[in-house]
PDB file of N, CA and C in Angstrom:
ATOM      1  N   UNK A   1       0.853  -1.168   0.000  1.00  0.00           N
ATOM      2  CA  UNK A   1       0.000   0.000   0.000  1.00  0.00           C
ATOM      3  C   UNK A   1       0.898   1.230   0.000  1.00  0.00           C
ATOM      4  N   UNK A   2       0.534   2.218  -0.805  1.00  0.00           N
ATOM      5  CA  UNK A   2       1.291   3.453  -0.913  1.00  0.00           C
ATOM      6  C   UNK A   2       0.339   4.628  -0.748  1.00  0.00           C
ATOM      7  N   UNK A   3       0.763   5.628   0.011  1.00  0.00           N
ATOM      8  CA  UNK A   3      -0.006   6.861   0.169  1.00  0.00           C
ATOM      9  C   UNK A   3       0.732   7.964  -0.572  1.00  0.00           C
ATOM     10  N   UNK A   4       0.027   8.615  -1.491  1.00  0.00           N
ATOM     11  CA  UNK A   4       0.595   9.748  -2.209  1.00  0.00           C
ATOM     12  C   UNK A   4       0.003  11.030  -1.657  1.00  0.00           C
ATOM     13  N   UNK A   5       0.857  12.013  -1.435  1.00  0.00           N
ATOM     14  CA  UNK A   5       0.427  13.360  -1.081  1.00  0.00           C
ATOM     15  C   UNK A   5       1.464  14.321  -1.644  1.00  0.00           C
ATOM     16  N   UNK A   6       1.054  15.461  -2.181  1.00  0.00           N
ATOM     17  CA  UNK A   6       2.026  16.422  -2.699  1.00  0.00           C
ATOM     18  C   UNK A   6       3.025  16.872  -1.631  1.00  0.00           C
ATOM     19  N   UNK A   7       2.593  16.874  -0.370  1.00  0.00           N
ATOM     20  CA  UNK A   7       3.446  17.249   0.758  1.00  0.00           C
ATOM     21  C   UNK A   7       3.143  16.299   1.915  1.00  0.00           C
ATOM     22  N   UNK A   8       4.185  15.769   2.529  1.00  0.00           N
ATOM     23  CA  UNK A   8       4.010  14.939   3.724  1.00  0.00           C
ATOM     24  C   UNK A   8       4.320  15.842   4.925  1.00  0.00           C
ATOM     25  N   UNK A   9       3.277  16.343   5.552  1.00  0.00           N
ATOM     26  CA  UNK A   9       3.446  17.219   6.707  1.00  0.00           C
ATOM     27  C   UNK A   9       3.665  16.377   7.956  1.00  0.00           C
ATOM     28  N   UNK A  10       4.177  16.978   9.036  1.00  0.00           N
ATOM     29  CA  UNK A  10       4.315  16.218  10.281  1.00  0.00           C
ATOM     30  C   UNK A  10       2.989  15.629  10.766  1.00  0.00           C
ATOM     31  N   UNK A  11       1.906  16.346  10.563  1.00  0.00           N
ATOM     32  CA  UNK A  11       0.597  15.842  10.992  1.00  0.00           C
ATOM     33  C   UNK A  11       0.176  14.623  10.175  1.00  0.00           C
ATOM     34  N   UNK A  12       0.359  14.671   8.874  1.00  0.00           N
ATOM     35  CA  UNK A  12       0.028  13.523   8.038  1.00  0.00           C
ATOM     36  C   UNK A  12       0.946  12.353   8.382  1.00  0.00           C
ATOM     37  N   UNK A  13       2.214  12.624   8.592  1.00  0.00           N
ATOM     38  CA  UNK A  13       3.170  11.581   8.977  1.00  0.00           C
ATOM     39  C   UNK A  13       2.722  10.884  10.270  1.00  0.00           C
ATOM     40  N   UNK A  14       2.272  11.656  11.239  1.00  0.00           N
ATOM     41  CA  UNK A  14       1.773  11.125  12.516  1.00  0.00           C
ATOM     42  C   UNK A  14       0.599  10.165  12.293  1.00  0.00           C
ATOM     43  N   UNK A  15      -0.344  10.568  11.453  1.00  0.00           N
ATOM     44  CA  UNK A  15      -1.519   9.738  11.163  1.00  0.00           C
ATOM     45  C   UNK A  15      -1.107   8.454  10.451  1.00  0.00           C
ATOM     46  N   UNK A  16      -0.214   8.562   9.484  1.00  0.00           N
ATOM     47  CA  UNK A  16       0.219   7.379   8.742  1.00  0.00           C
ATOM     48  C   UNK A  16       0.992   6.405   9.630  1.00  0.00           C
ATOM     49  N   UNK A  17       1.807   6.935  10.537  1.00  0.00           N
ATOM     50  CA  UNK A  17       2.504   6.068  11.493  1.00  0.00           C
ATOM     51  C   UNK A  17       1.514   5.324  12.374  1.00  0.00           C
ATOM     52  N   UNK A  18       0.506   6.043  12.865  1.00  0.00           N
ATOM     53  CA  UNK A  18      -0.509   5.411  13.709  1.00  0.00           C
ATOM     54  C   UNK A  18      -1.240   4.312  12.945  1.00  0.00           C
ATOM     55  N   UNK A  19      -1.727   4.631  11.766  1.00  0.00           N
ATOM     56  CA  UNK A  19      -2.478   3.638  10.990  1.00  0.00           C
ATOM     57  C   UNK A  19      -1.622   2.427  10.654  1.00  0.00           C
ATOM     58  N   UNK A  20      -0.400   2.667  10.247  1.00  0.00           N
ATOM     59  CA  UNK A  20       0.483   1.556   9.908  1.00  0.00           C
ATOM     60  C   UNK A  20       0.797   0.690  11.105  1.00  0.00           C
ATOM     61  N   UNK A  21       1.214   1.310  12.187  1.00  0.00           N
ATOM     62  CA  UNK A  21       1.625   0.547  13.369  1.00  0.00           C
ATOM     63  C   UNK A  21       0.461  -0.108  14.092  1.00  0.00           C
ATOM     64  N   UNK A  22      -0.660   0.577  14.208  1.00  0.00           N
ATOM     65  CA  UNK A  22      -1.784   0.059  14.976  1.00  0.00           C
ATOM     66  C   UNK A  22      -2.697  -0.865  14.170  1.00  0.00           C
ATOM     67  N   UNK A  23      -2.835  -0.629  12.887  1.00  0.00           N
ATOM     68  CA  UNK A  23      -3.787  -1.409  12.101  1.00  0.00           C
ATOM     69  C   UNK A  23      -3.134  -2.409  11.168  1.00  0.00           C
ATOM     70  N   UNK A  24      -1.988  -2.039  10.618  1.00  0.00           N
ATOM     71  CA  UNK A  24      -1.353  -2.921   9.645  1.00  0.00           C
ATOM     72  C   UNK A  24      -0.174  -3.693  10.224  1.00  0.00           C
ATOM     73  N   UNK A  25       0.338  -3.236  11.343  1.00  0.00           N
ATOM     74  CA  UNK A  25       1.479  -3.894  11.951  1.00  0.00           C
ATOM     75  C   UNK A  25       2.801  -3.563  11.283  1.00  0.00           C
ATOM     76  N   UNK A  26       2.781  -2.611  10.354  1.00  0.00           N
ATOM     77  CA  UNK A  26       3.999  -2.161   9.690  1.00  0.00           C
ATOM     78  C   UNK A  26       3.777  -0.743   9.173  1.00  0.00           C
ATOM     79  N   UNK A  27       4.852  -0.062   8.906  1.00  0.00           N
ATOM     80  CA  UNK A  27       4.752   1.327   8.459  1.00  0.00           C
ATOM     81  C   UNK A  27       4.074   1.409   7.093  1.00  0.00           C
ATOM     82  N   UNK A  28       3.283   2.446   6.918  1.00  0.00           N
ATOM     83  CA  UNK A  28       2.711   2.741   5.607  1.00  0.00           C
ATOM     84  C   UNK A  28       3.758   3.480   4.790  1.00  0.00           C
ATOM     85  N   UNK A  29       3.914   3.121   3.549  1.00  0.00           N
ATOM     86  CA  UNK A  29       4.823   3.840   2.661  1.00  0.00           C
ATOM     87  C   UNK A  29       4.111   5.080   2.142  1.00  0.00           C
ATOM     88  N   UNK A  30       4.852   6.176   2.069  1.00  0.00           N
ATOM     89  CA  UNK A  30       4.290   7.418   1.567  1.00  0.00           C
ATOM     90  C   UNK A  30       5.270   8.057   0.600  1.00  0.00           C
ATOM     91  N   UNK A  31       4.728   8.790  -0.356  1.00  0.00           N
ATOM     92  CA  UNK A  31       5.570   9.464  -1.337  1.00  0.00           C
ATOM     93  C   UNK A  31       4.966  10.802  -1.730  1.00  0.00           C
ATOM     94  N   UNK A  32       5.846  11.702  -2.128  1.00  0.00           N
ATOM     95  CA  UNK A  32       5.417  12.969  -2.721  1.00  0.00           C
ATOM     96  C   UNK A  32       5.674  12.942  -4.224  1.00  0.00           C
ATOM     97  N   UNK A  33       6.207  11.830  -4.719  1.00  0.00           N
ATOM     98  CA  UNK A  33       6.570  11.684  -6.113  1.00  0.00           C
ATOM     99  C   UNK A  33       5.373  11.146  -6.909  1.00  0.00           C
ATOM    100  N   UNK A  34       4.797  12.000  -7.722  1.00  0.00           N
ATOM    101  CA  UNK A  34       3.617  11.633  -8.512  1.00  0.00           C
ATOM    102  C   UNK A  34       3.912  10.470  -9.463  1.00  0.00           C
ATOM    103  N   UNK A  35       5.089  10.480 -10.070  1.00  0.00           N
ATOM    104  CA  UNK A  35       5.458   9.413 -11.008  1.00  0.00           C
ATOM    105  C   UNK A  35       5.546   8.067 -10.293  1.00  0.00           C
ATOM    106  N   UNK A  36       6.082   8.064  -9.076  1.00  0.00           N
ATOM    107  CA  UNK A  36       6.138   6.829  -8.283  1.00  0.00           C
ATOM    108  C   UNK A  36       4.729   6.321  -7.999  1.00  0.00           C
ATOM    109  N   UNK A  37       3.823   7.239  -7.680  1.00  0.00           N
ATOM    110  CA  UNK A  37       2.427   6.852  -7.427  1.00  0.00           C
ATOM    111  C   UNK A  37       1.782   6.280  -8.691  1.00  0.00           C
ATOM    112  N   UNK A  38       2.056   6.893  -9.830  1.00  0.00           N
ATOM    113  CA  UNK A  38       1.510   6.395 -11.103  1.00  0.00           C
ATOM    114  C   UNK A  38       1.999   4.986 -11.423  1.00  0.00           C
ATOM    115  N   UNK A  39       3.243   4.700 -11.118  1.00  0.00           N
ATOM    116  CA  UNK A  39       3.842   3.403 -11.437  1.00  0.00           C
ATOM    117  C   UNK A  39       3.537   2.326 -10.398  1.00  0.00           C
ATOM    118  N   UNK A  40       3.016   2.717  -9.241  1.00  0.00           N
ATOM    119  CA  UNK A  40       2.761   1.759  -8.162  1.00  0.00           C
ATOM    120  C   UNK A  40       1.694   0.752  -8.596  1.00  0.00           C
ATOM    121  N   UNK A  41       1.987  -0.535  -8.410  1.00  0.00           N
ATOM    122  CA  UNK A  41       1.060  -1.576  -8.867  1.00  0.00           C
ATOM    123  C   UNK A  41       0.119  -2.062  -7.772  1.00  0.00           C
ATOM    124  N   UNK A  42       0.383  -1.696  -6.505  1.00  0.00           N
ATOM    125  CA  UNK A  42      -0.479  -2.119  -5.412  1.00  0.00           C
ATOM    126  C   UNK A  42      -1.548  -1.078  -5.116  1.00  0.00           C
ATOM    127  N   UNK A  43      -2.093  -1.163  -3.923  1.00  0.00           N
ATOM    128  CA  UNK A  43      -3.124  -0.221  -3.488  1.00  0.00           C
ATOM    129  C   UNK A  43      -2.533   1.169  -3.340  1.00  0.00           C
ATOM    130  N   UNK A  44      -3.207   2.159  -3.928  1.00  0.00           N
ATOM    131  CA  UNK A  44      -2.765   3.544  -3.851  1.00  0.00           C
ATOM    132  C   UNK A  44      -3.841   4.383  -3.168  1.00  0.00           C
ATOM    133  N   UNK A  45      -3.453   5.065  -2.101  1.00  0.00           N
ATOM    134  CA  UNK A  45      -4.313   6.067  -1.475  1.00  0.00           C
ATOM    135  C   UNK A  45      -3.776   7.411  -1.908  1.00  0.00           C
ATOM    136  N   UNK A  46      -4.589   8.155  -2.604  1.00  0.00           N
ATOM    137  CA  UNK A  46      -4.210   9.461  -3.123  1.00  0.00           C
ATOM    138  C   UNK A  46      -4.789  10.534  -2.199  1.00  0.00           C
ATOM    139  N   UNK A  47      -3.932  11.175  -1.425  1.00  0.00           N
ATOM    140  CA  UNK A  47      -4.367  12.223  -0.500  1.00  0.00           C
ATOM    141  C   UNK A  47      -4.073  13.578  -1.137  1.00  0.00           C
ATOM    142  N   UNK A  48      -4.878  13.924  -2.134  1.00  0.00           N
ATOM    143  CA  UNK A  48      -4.725  15.200  -2.832  1.00  0.00           C
ATOM    144  C   UNK A  48      -6.066  15.586  -3.444  1.00  0.00           C
ATOM    145  N   UNK A  49      -6.095  16.776  -4.025  1.00  0.00           N
ATOM    146  CA  UNK A  49      -7.356  17.271  -4.572  1.00  0.00           C
ATOM    147  C   UNK A  49      -7.640  16.783  -5.991  1.00  0.00           C
ATOM    148  N   UNK A  50      -6.690  16.132  -6.635  1.00  0.00           N
ATOM    149  CA  UNK A  50      -6.908  15.665  -7.997  1.00  0.00           C
ATOM    150  C   UNK A  50      -6.629  14.188  -8.158  1.00  0.00           C
ATOM    151  N   UNK A  51      -7.271  13.596  -9.152  1.00  0.00           N
ATOM    152  CA  UNK A  51      -7.079  12.171  -9.418  1.00  0.00           C
ATOM    153  C   UNK A  51      -5.716  11.935 -10.056  1.00  0.00           C
ATOM    154  N   UNK A  52      -5.083  10.810  -9.705  1.00  0.00           N
ATOM    155  CA  UNK A  52      -3.806  10.427 -10.317  1.00  0.00           C
ATOM    156  C   UNK A  52      -4.027   9.315 -11.329  1.00  0.00           C
ATOM    157  N   UNK A  53      -4.720   8.248 -10.894  1.00  0.00           N
ATOM    158  CA  UNK A  53      -4.945   7.136 -11.814  1.00  0.00           C
ATOM    159  C   UNK A  53      -6.198   6.377 -11.419  1.00  0.00           C
ATOM    160  N   UNK A  54      -6.708   5.604 -12.328  1.00  0.00           N
ATOM    161  CA  UNK A  54      -7.891   4.786 -12.080  1.00  0.00           C
ATOM    162  C   UNK A  54      -7.581   3.738 -11.020  1.00  0.00           C
ATOM    163  N   UNK A  55      -8.565   3.416 -10.208  1.00  0.00           N
ATOM    164  CA  UNK A  55      -8.415   2.372  -9.209  1.00  0.00           C
ATOM    165  C   UNK A  55      -7.857   2.850  -7.880  1.00  0.00           C
ATOM    166  N   UNK A  56      -7.486   4.127  -7.802  1.00  0.00           N
ATOM    167  CA  UNK A  56      -6.957   4.655  -6.542  1.00  0.00           C
ATOM    168  C   UNK A  56      -8.101   4.917  -5.564  1.00  0.00           C
ATOM    169  N   UNK A  57      -7.763   5.053  -4.304  1.00  0.00           N
ATOM    170  CA  UNK A  57      -8.694   5.537  -3.295  1.00  0.00           C
ATOM    171  C   UNK A  57      -8.278   6.970  -3.022  1.00  0.00           C
ATOM    172  N   UNK A  58      -9.132   7.920  -3.389  1.00  0.00           N
ATOM    173  CA  UNK A  58      -8.765   9.333  -3.234  1.00  0.00           C
ATOM    174  C   UNK A  58      -9.465   9.939  -2.034  1.00  0.00           C
ATOM    175  N   UNK A  59      -8.667  10.490  -1.135  1.00  0.00           N
ATOM    176  CA  UNK A  59      -9.165  11.222   0.024  1.00  0.00           C
ATOM    177  C   UNK A  59      -8.785  12.675  -0.189  1.00  0.00           C
ATOM    178  N   UNK A  60      -9.783  13.519  -0.329  1.00  0.00           N
ATOM    179  CA  UNK A  60      -9.503  14.937  -0.552  1.00  0.00           C
ATOM    180  C   UNK A  60      -9.200  15.629   0.775  1.00  0.00           C
ATOM    181  N   UNK A  61      -8.060  16.318   0.869  1.00  0.00           N
ATOM    182  CA  UNK A  61      -7.687  16.975   2.122  1.00  0.00           C
ATOM    183  C   UNK A  61      -8.630  18.104   2.511  1.00  0.00           C
ATOM    184  N   UNK A  62      -8.901  18.202   3.787  1.00  0.00           N
ATOM    185  CA  UNK A  62      -9.707  19.279   4.341  1.00  0.00           C
ATOM    186  C   UNK A  62      -8.868  20.530   4.597  1.00  0.00           C
ATOM    187  N   UNK A  63      -7.613  20.320   4.980  1.00  0.00           N
ATOM    188  CA  UNK A  63      -6.716  21.432   5.251  1.00  0.00           C
ATOM    189  C   UNK A  63      -6.087  21.395   6.631  1.00  0.00           C
ATOM    190  N   UNK A  64      -6.676  20.667   7.559  1.00  0.00           N
ATOM    191  CA  UNK A  64      -6.163  20.626   8.925  1.00  0.00           C
ATOM    192  C   UNK A  64      -4.727  20.098   8.978  1.00  0.00           C
ATOM    193  N   UNK A  65      -4.412  19.116   8.155  1.00  0.00           N
ATOM    194  CA  UNK A  65      -3.087  18.505   8.223  1.00  0.00           C
ATOM    195  C   UNK A  65      -2.001  19.355   7.577  1.00  0.00           C
ATOM    196  N   UNK A  66      -2.382  20.343   6.805  1.00  0.00           N
ATOM    197  CA  UNK A  66      -1.390  21.228   6.191  1.00  0.00           C
ATOM    198  C   UNK A  66      -1.188  22.512   6.995  1.00  0.00           C
ATOM    199  N   UNK A  67      -1.998  22.718   8.008  1.00  0.00           N
ATOM    200  CA  UNK A  67      -1.861  23.912   8.849  1.00  0.00           C
ATOM    201  C   UNK A  67      -0.693  23.755   9.814  1.00  0.00           C
ATOM    202  N   UNK A  68      -0.185  24.880  10.265  1.00  0.00           N
ATOM    203  CA  UNK A  68       0.769  24.884  11.364  1.00  0.00           C
ATOM    204  C   UNK A  68       0.128  25.690  12.484  1.00  0.00           C
ATOM    205  N   UNK A  69       0.508  25.421  13.690  1.00  0.00           N
ATOM    206  CA  UNK A  69      -0.139  26.088  14.814  1.00  0.00           C
ATOM    207  C   UNK A  69      -1.464  25.423  15.117  1.00  0.00           C
ATOM    208  N   UNK A  70      -2.119  25.965  16.112  1.00  0.00           N
ATOM    209  CA  UNK A  70      -3.402  25.405  16.537  1.00  0.00           C
ATOM    210  C   UNK A  70      -4.468  26.463  16.323  1.00  0.00           C
ATOM    211  N   UNK A  71      -5.364  26.183  15.408  1.00  0.00           N
ATOM    212  CA  UNK A  71      -6.444  27.092  15.047  1.00  0.00           C
ATOM    213  C   UNK A  71      -7.759  26.370  15.227  1.00  0.00           C
ATOM    214  N   UNK A  72      -8.781  27.074  15.723  1.00  0.00           N
ATOM    215  CA  UNK A  72     -10.066  26.390  15.918  1.00  0.00           C
ATOM    216  C   UNK A  72     -10.703  25.988  14.583  1.00  0.00           C
ATOM    217  N   UNK A  73     -10.850  24.687  14.333  1.00  0.00           N
ATOM    218  CA  UNK A  73     -11.494  24.258  13.091  1.00  0.00           C
ATOM    219  C   UNK A  73     -13.005  24.396  13.200  1.00  0.00           C
ATOM    220  N   UNK A  74     -13.636  24.512  12.069  1.00  0.00           N
ATOM    221  CA  UNK A  74     -15.091  24.574  12.020  1.00  0.00           C
ATOM    222  C   UNK A  74     -15.603  23.138  11.953  1.00  0.00           C
ATOM    223  N   UNK A  75     -16.009  22.608  13.105  1.00  0.00           N
ATOM    224  CA  UNK A  75     -16.492  21.233  13.177  1.00  0.00           C
ATOM    225  C   UNK A  75     -17.997  21.220  12.941  1.00  0.00           C
ATOM    226  N   UNK A  76     -18.394  20.629  11.844  1.00  0.00           N
ATOM    227  CA  UNK A  76     -19.808  20.447  11.517  1.00  0.00           C
ATOM    228  C   UNK A  76     -20.021  18.945  11.366  1.00  0.00           C
ATOM    229  N   UNK A  77     -20.749  18.364  12.311  1.00  0.00           N
ATOM    230  CA  UNK A  77     -21.002  16.926  12.269  1.00  0.00           C
ATOM    231  C   UNK A  77     -22.197  16.670  11.364  1.00  0.00           C
ATOM    232  N   UNK A  78     -21.993  15.802  10.402  1.00  0.00           N
ATOM    233  CA  UNK A  78     -23.051  15.407   9.475  1.00  0.00           C
ATOM    234  C   UNK A  78     -23.240  13.902   9.578  1.00  0.00           C
ATOM    235  N   UNK A  79     -24.258  13.399   8.948  1.00  0.00           N
ATOM    236  CA  UNK A  79     -24.533  11.966   8.937  1.00  0.00           C
ATOM    237  C   UNK A  79     -24.740  11.492   7.508  1.00  0.00           C
ATOM    238  N   UNK A  80     -24.204  10.332   7.234  1.00  0.00           N
ATOM    239  CA  UNK A  80     -24.472   9.659   5.961  1.00  0.00           C
ATOM    240  C   UNK A  80     -24.658   8.193   6.292  1.00  0.00           C
ATOM    241  N   UNK A  81     -25.789   7.652   5.915  1.00  0.00           N
ATOM    242  CA  UNK A  81     -26.132   6.259   6.234  1.00  0.00           C
ATOM    243  C   UNK A  81     -26.052   6.004   7.739  1.00  0.00           C
ATOM    244  N   UNK A  82     -26.514   6.959   8.519  1.00  0.00           N
ATOM    245  CA  UNK A  82     -26.517   6.905   9.987  1.00  0.00           C
ATOM    246  C   UNK A  82     -25.122   6.815  10.598  1.00  0.00           C
ATOM    247  N   UNK A  83     -24.114   7.270   9.871  1.00  0.00           N
ATOM    248  CA  UNK A  83     -22.745   7.308  10.390  1.00  0.00           C
ATOM    249  C   UNK A  83     -22.311   8.771  10.463  1.00  0.00           C
ATOM    250  N   UNK A  84     -22.004   9.253  11.679  1.00  0.00           N
ATOM    251  CA  UNK A  84     -21.580  10.649  11.806  1.00  0.00           C
ATOM    252  C   UNK A  84     -20.151  10.849  11.298  1.00  0.00           C
ATOM    253  N   UNK A  85     -19.903  12.033  10.746  1.00  0.00           N
ATOM    254  CA  UNK A  85     -18.564  12.385  10.265  1.00  0.00           C
ATOM    255  C   UNK A  85     -18.412  13.898  10.304  1.00  0.00           C
ATOM    256  N   UNK A  86     -17.167  14.348  10.248  1.00  0.00           N
ATOM    257  CA  UNK A  86     -16.880  15.772  10.116  1.00  0.00           C
ATOM    258  C   UNK A  86     -15.670  15.943   9.206  1.00  0.00           C
ATOM    259  N   UNK A  87     -15.346  17.177   8.838  1.00  0.00           N
ATOM    260  CA  UNK A  87     -14.340  17.511   7.828  1.00  0.00           C
ATOM    261  C   UNK A  87     -14.789  17.014   6.456  1.00  0.00           C
ATOM    262  N   UNK A  88     -16.005  17.400   6.078  1.00  0.00           N
ATOM    263  CA  UNK A  88     -16.577  16.987   4.800  1.00  0.00           C
ATOM    264  C   UNK A  88     -15.748  17.521   3.632  1.00  0.00           C
ATOM    265  N   UNK A  89     -15.493  16.655   2.663  1.00  0.00           N
ATOM    266  CA  UNK A  89     -14.786  17.014   1.433  1.00  0.00           C
ATOM    267  C   UNK A  89     -15.330  16.164   0.292  1.00  0.00           C
ATOM    268  N   UNK A  90     -14.694  16.262  -0.852  1.00  0.00           N
ATOM    269  CA  UNK A  90     -15.038  15.404  -1.987  1.00  0.00           C
ATOM    270  C   UNK A  90     -14.178  14.155  -1.933  1.00  0.00           C
ATOM    271  N   UNK A  91     -13.907  13.594  -3.073  1.00  0.00           N
ATOM    272  CA  UNK A  91     -13.095  12.379  -3.126  1.00  0.00           C
ATOM    273  C   UNK A  91     -13.974  11.144  -3.040  1.00  0.00           C
ATOM    274  N   UNK A  92     -13.336  10.001  -2.867  1.00  0.00           N
ATOM    275  CA  UNK A  92     -14.072   8.738  -2.792  1.00  0.00           C
ATOM    276  C   UNK A  92     -14.786   8.583  -1.458  1.00  0.00           C
ATOM    277  N   UNK A  93     -14.236   9.197  -0.419  1.00  0.00           N
ATOM    278  CA  UNK A  93     -14.936   9.308   0.858  1.00  0.00           C
ATOM    279  C   UNK A  93     -15.591  10.673   0.875  1.00  0.00           C
ATOM    280  N   UNK A  94     -16.595  10.837   1.659  1.00  0.00           N
ATOM    281  CA  UNK A  94     -17.266  12.134   1.741  1.00  0.00           C
ATOM    282  C   UNK A  94     -16.660  13.021   2.821  1.00  0.00           C
ATOM    283  N   UNK A  95     -15.549  12.566   3.414  1.00  0.00           N
ATOM    284  CA  UNK A  95     -14.870  13.388   4.415  1.00  0.00           C
ATOM    285  C   UNK A  95     -13.384  13.037   4.430  1.00  0.00           C
ATOM    286  N   UNK A  96     -12.601  13.920   5.055  1.00  0.00           N
ATOM    287  CA  UNK A  96     -11.158  13.711   5.169  1.00  0.00           C
ATOM    288  C   UNK A  96     -10.896  12.861   6.404  1.00  0.00           C
ATOM    289  N   UNK A  97     -10.813  11.564   6.201  1.00  0.00           N
ATOM    290  CA  UNK A  97     -10.630  10.627   7.310  1.00  0.00           C
ATOM    291  C   UNK A  97      -9.284  10.841   7.999  1.00  0.00           C
ATOM    292  N   UNK A  98      -8.246  11.244   7.269  1.00  0.00           N
ATOM    293  CA  UNK A  98      -6.945  11.488   7.895  1.00  0.00           C
ATOM    294  C   UNK A  98      -7.010  12.679   8.860  1.00  0.00           C
ATOM    295  N   UNK A  99      -7.697  13.750   8.472  1.00  0.00           N
ATOM    296  CA  UNK A  99      -7.855  14.904   9.371  1.00  0.00           C
ATOM    297  C   UNK A  99      -8.690  14.533  10.592  1.00  0.00           C
ATOM    298  N   UNK A 100      -9.727  13.748  10.392  1.00  0.00           N
ATOM    299  CA  UNK A 100     -10.556  13.321  11.523  1.00  0.00           C
ATOM    300  C   UNK A 100      -9.738  12.471  12.491  1.00  0.00           C
ATOM    301  N   UNK A 101      -8.918  11.572  11.968  1.00  0.00           N
ATOM    302  CA  UNK A 101      -8.064  10.748  12.825  1.00  0.00           C
ATOM    303  C   UNK A 101      -7.108  11.630  13.615  1.00  0.00           C
ATOM    304  N   UNK A 102      -6.470  12.575  12.939  1.00  0.00           N
ATOM    305  CA  UNK A 102      -5.531  13.468  13.627  1.00  0.00           C
ATOM    306  C   UNK A 102      -6.239  14.267  14.722  1.00  0.00           C
ATOM    307  N   UNK A 103      -7.396  14.817  14.405  1.00  0.00           N
ATOM    308  CA  UNK A 103      -8.143  15.627  15.366  1.00  0.00           C
ATOM    309  C   UNK A 103      -8.475  14.819  16.621  1.00  0.00           C
ATOM    310  N   UNK A 104      -8.926  13.593  16.420  1.00  0.00           N
ATOM    311  CA  UNK A 104      -9.315  12.757  17.558  1.00  0.00           C
ATOM    312  C   UNK A 104      -8.107  12.196  18.315  1.00  0.00           C
ATOM    313  N   UNK A 105      -7.098  11.729  17.604  1.00  0.00           N
ATOM    314  CA  UNK A 105      -5.908  11.169  18.256  1.00  0.00           C
ATOM    315  C   UNK A 105      -5.151  12.203  19.085  1.00  0.00           C
ATOM    316  N   UNK A 106      -5.012  13.390  18.524  1.00  0.00           N
ATOM    317  CA  UNK A 106      -4.219  14.431  19.193  1.00  0.00           C
ATOM    318  C   UNK A 106      -5.002  15.142  20.297  1.00  0.00           C
ATOM    319  N   UNK A 107      -6.295  14.871  20.362  1.00  0.00           N
ATOM    320  CA  UNK A 107      -7.181  15.579  21.300  1.00  0.00           C
ATOM    321  C   UNK A 107      -7.059  17.084  21.065  1.00  0.00           C
ATOM    322  N   UNK A 108      -7.081  17.425  19.806  1.00  0.00           N
ATOM    323  CA  UNK A 108      -6.848  18.777  19.302  1.00  0.00           C
ATOM    324  C   UNK A 108      -7.645  19.833  20.059  1.00  0.00           C
ATOM    325  N   UNK A 109      -8.901  19.522  20.368  1.00  0.00           N
ATOM    326  CA  UNK A 109      -9.776  20.514  21.007  1.00  0.00           C
ATOM    327  C   UNK A 109      -9.270  20.934  22.380  1.00  0.00           C
ATOM    328  N   UNK A 110      -8.474  20.096  23.023  1.00  0.00           N
ATOM    329  CA  UNK A 110      -7.978  20.444  24.357  1.00  0.00           C
ATOM    330  C   UNK A 110      -6.870  21.495  24.316  1.00  0.00           C
ATOM    331  N   UNK A 111      -6.301  21.724  23.140  1.00  0.00           N
ATOM    332  CA  UNK A 111      -5.284  22.756  22.989  1.00  0.00           C
ATOM    333  C   UNK A 111      -5.893  24.117  22.666  1.00  0.00           C
ATOM    334  N   UNK A 112      -7.173  24.134  22.365  1.00  0.00           N
ATOM    335  CA  UNK A 112      -7.856  25.380  22.020  1.00  0.00           C
ATOM    336  C   UNK A 112      -8.309  26.088  23.293  1.00  0.00           C
ATOM    337  N   UNK A 113      -8.430  27.414  23.243  1.00  0.00           N
ATOM    338  CA  UNK A 113      -8.925  28.133  24.425  1.00  0.00           C
ATOM    339  C   UNK A 113     -10.314  27.630  24.805  1.00  0.00           C
ATOM    340  N   UNK A 114     -10.496  27.386  26.075  1.00  0.00           N
ATOM    341  CA  UNK A 114     -11.799  26.921  26.557  1.00  0.00           C
ATOM    342  C   UNK A 114     -11.901  27.236  28.051  1.00  0.00           C
ATOM    343  N   UNK A 115     -13.118  27.253  28.530  1.00  0.00           N
ATOM    344  CA  UNK A 115     -13.343  27.481  29.937  1.00  0.00           C
ATOM    345  C   UNK A 115     -13.453  26.132  30.636  1.00  0.00           C
ATOM    346  N   UNK A 116     -12.596  25.913  31.618  1.00  0.00           N
ATOM    347  CA  UNK A 116     -12.590  24.629  32.317  1.00  0.00           C
ATOM    348  C   UNK A 116     -13.766  24.547  33.270  1.00  0.00           C
ATOM    349  N   UNK A 117     -14.281  23.338  33.410  1.00  0.00           N
ATOM    350  CA  UNK A 117     -15.351  23.113  34.393  1.00  0.00           C
ATOM    351  C   UNK A 117     -14.765  22.364  35.583  1.00  0.00           C
ATOM    352  N   UNK A 118     -15.601  22.039  36.540  1.00  0.00           N
ATOM    353  CA  UNK A 118     -15.115  21.345  37.739  1.00  0.00           C
ATOM    354  C   UNK A 118     -14.662  19.953  37.392  1.00  0.00           C
TER     355      UNK A 118
END
């Protein structure tokens, strides 16, 4: 399996390490080289706004993984087939699953200004 992205940010790298180590038991390979992605004969996850080749799984980025710093994201929870999701985008999925994973794994909301309760 190969993940293509025009840029491998630290946030995307973190998500790919988690998915590889926790779900696959080995690191996920990633590349920024479009030609390498085109020539890849196995499963290709294309994490970009445009299609590379037929048969790929394309996840369109929401933008959270390319940001630096901590900024309050606009979280709008939607439902499709009774499954809630956020970070809606285009692509083969209707949301940016990598951004959602990062947001939940990092507990991103706890770094944002908030009023603490008891």
